[in-house]
Structures are given as structure tokens and as C-alpha cells.
Amino acid sequence: MLLDNDTGGGGMDVNFVDPAVPATQACTPLLEAVRAGRIDVVRPLLDHGADPNSAGAGDRSDLFRLMRERGARLDTPRTGGAAMEAAKKDGLSSMVDLLMGEGVSV
């Protein structure tokens, strides 16, 4: 399968970031799928090793829960802190509530 990512297996790297793209514009396949709201694409990417900490869920609680189930961490400033900051900045009160329920401070 295209997503099989074992050494020598020829699968694609689900955490690939094109080095030719400036860091401010770079993103992983998971981030693209999350931005598009494609849970049908997010799930197989996570199944094949995509880093659940490499993308925020925006205002999608279903994506948030899926990524938490798959190991997304909220206990660092880069993860929980950034998620809370983005949710507050974007006025996503339901996501702020969800993050607070997960123990992320305001």
C-alpha cells in the first residue's frame, strides 16, 4: 500500500515535509488532511504512523478526539499551549472548553 512506511518497503513517509518549501509554509500530509476536514484521510495517516502532534484540529472536536486517542499530547507549550492559543485567537469557545476539560490551562 502507498502508505506502508517500512524501511525498504517503498511506502511514502507520512511525516514528510518538503525541504524546498519555506518552514513557514511547510506542512505534513496530516496537516493538509486536517485543514481540509478529511477525517477519512486523517485516520489512515495516523494508522500508518503520522505524528498526531503535527496538526491542530481547528474547531473539529471529532478530529481532536481522534488525535488524542492516537497519542496527541497536550502537556507541553508546543502542543496544549499552542492549541489553546489558537482556539482563543480564532474564537473557538467550544474548543477552549474541550481543551480546558483535558487540563490545558487558559
Protein backbone atom coordinates (compact mmCIF):
# COMPACT_ATOMS: atom_id res chain seq x y z
CA MET A 1 0.00 0.00 0.00
CA LEU A 2 1.14 3.53 -0.72
CA LEU A 3 1.16 4.47 2.96
CA ASP A 4 3.17 1.48 4.17
CA ASN A 5 6.28 3.08 5.57
CA ASP A 6 8.77 0.41 6.45
CA THR A 7 12.45 0.58 5.61
CA GLY A 8 12.96 -0.59 2.09
CA GLY A 9 9.24 -1.10 1.54
CA GLY A 10 8.92 1.85 -0.79
CA GLY A 11 5.97 3.36 1.08
CA MET A 12 5.58 7.09 1.48
CA ASP A 13 6.77 8.90 4.59
CA VAL A 14 3.54 10.08 6.23
CA ASN A 15 5.51 12.72 8.18
CA PHE A 16 7.27 14.10 5.09
CA VAL A 17 7.82 17.83 4.85
CA ASP A 18 9.28 19.10 1.57
CA PRO A 19 12.66 20.68 2.42
CA ALA A 20 12.32 23.01 -0.57
CA VAL A 21 9.27 24.67 0.99
CA PRO A 22 9.97 27.53 3.44
CA ALA A 23 9.41 26.46 7.06
CA THR A 24 6.57 28.96 7.47
CA GLN A 25 4.64 27.27 4.64
CA ALA A 26 5.68 23.65 5.17
CA CYS A 27 3.16 21.09 6.31
CA THR A 28 2.71 17.36 6.60
CA PRO A 29 0.10 15.26 4.81
CA LEU A 30 -1.73 15.01 8.16
CA LEU A 31 -1.90 18.79 8.49
CA GLU A 32 -3.29 19.08 4.96
CA ALA A 33 -5.94 16.43 5.70
CA VAL A 34 -6.91 18.10 8.99
CA ARG A 35 -7.15 21.53 7.33
CA ALA A 36 -9.46 20.02 4.72
CA GLY A 37 -11.53 18.35 7.46
CA ARG A 38 -10.96 14.94 5.88
CA ILE A 39 -11.26 12.53 8.80
CA ASP A 40 -11.42 9.75 6.19
CA VAL A 41 -7.83 10.66 5.24
CA VAL A 42 -6.65 11.56 8.76
CA ARG A 43 -7.46 8.10 10.14
CA PRO A 44 -5.28 6.08 7.69
CA LEU A 45 -2.43 8.59 8.02
CA LEU A 46 -2.49 8.09 11.79
CA ASP A 47 -2.77 4.33 11.27
CA HIS A 48 0.46 4.47 9.27
CA GLY A 49 2.48 6.50 11.73
CA ALA A 50 1.65 10.16 11.14
CA ASP A 51 2.58 12.23 14.18
CA PRO A 52 -0.68 13.32 15.87
CA ASN A 53 1.18 16.28 17.37
CA SER A 54 1.93 17.74 13.94
CA ALA A 55 -1.54 19.19 13.35
CA GLY A 56 -4.20 21.03 15.28
CA ALA A 57 -7.86 20.10 14.97
CA GLY A 58 -9.24 23.61 14.46
CA ASP A 59 -12.86 23.58 15.57
CA ARG A 60 -13.40 19.89 14.83
CA SER A 61 -13.95 18.04 18.10
CA ASP A 62 -14.12 14.72 16.22
CA LEU A 63 -10.63 15.27 14.81
CA PHE A 64 -9.43 16.45 18.22
CA ARG A 65 -10.71 13.30 19.92
CA LEU A 66 -9.26 11.05 17.22
CA MET A 67 -5.83 12.65 17.51
CA ARG A 68 -5.96 12.42 21.33
CA GLU A 69 -6.84 8.72 21.03
CA ARG A 70 -3.80 8.32 18.78
CA GLY A 71 -1.40 9.95 21.22
CA ALA A 72 -1.59 13.70 20.66
CA ARG A 73 -0.09 15.36 23.72
CA LEU A 74 -1.41 18.47 25.42
CA ASP A 75 1.13 18.71 28.23
CA THR A 76 3.70 20.95 26.54
CA PRO A 77 3.60 24.61 25.49
CA ARG A 78 4.12 23.50 21.86
CA THR A 79 1.09 21.24 21.93
CA GLY A 80 -1.51 22.18 24.55
CA GLY A 81 -0.39 25.77 24.86
CA ALA A 82 -0.39 26.31 21.10
CA ALA A 83 -3.78 24.63 20.74
CA MET A 84 -5.28 26.84 23.45
CA GLU A 85 -3.73 29.98 21.97
CA ALA A 86 -5.10 29.15 18.50
CA ALA A 87 -8.56 28.29 19.85
CA LYS A 88 -8.77 31.57 21.77
CA LYS A 89 -7.41 33.61 18.85
CA ASP A 90 -9.95 32.07 16.47
CA GLY A 91 -12.83 32.48 18.93
CA LEU A 92 -13.45 28.73 19.18
CA SER A 93 -15.11 28.70 22.58
CA SER A 94 -16.18 25.05 22.31
CA MET A 95 -12.57 24.03 21.60
CA VAL A 96 -11.36 26.18 24.52
CA ASP A 97 -13.83 24.32 26.74
CA LEU A 98 -12.69 20.96 25.35
CA LEU A 99 -9.02 21.83 25.96
CA MET A 100 -9.80 23.01 29.49
CA GLY A 101 -11.57 19.71 30.08
CA GLU A 102 -8.34 17.99 29.05
CA GLY A 103 -6.40 20.00 31.63
CA VAL A 104 -4.90 22.70 29.42
CA SER A 105 -4.76 26.00 31.26
CA VAL A 106 -6.22 29.17 29.81
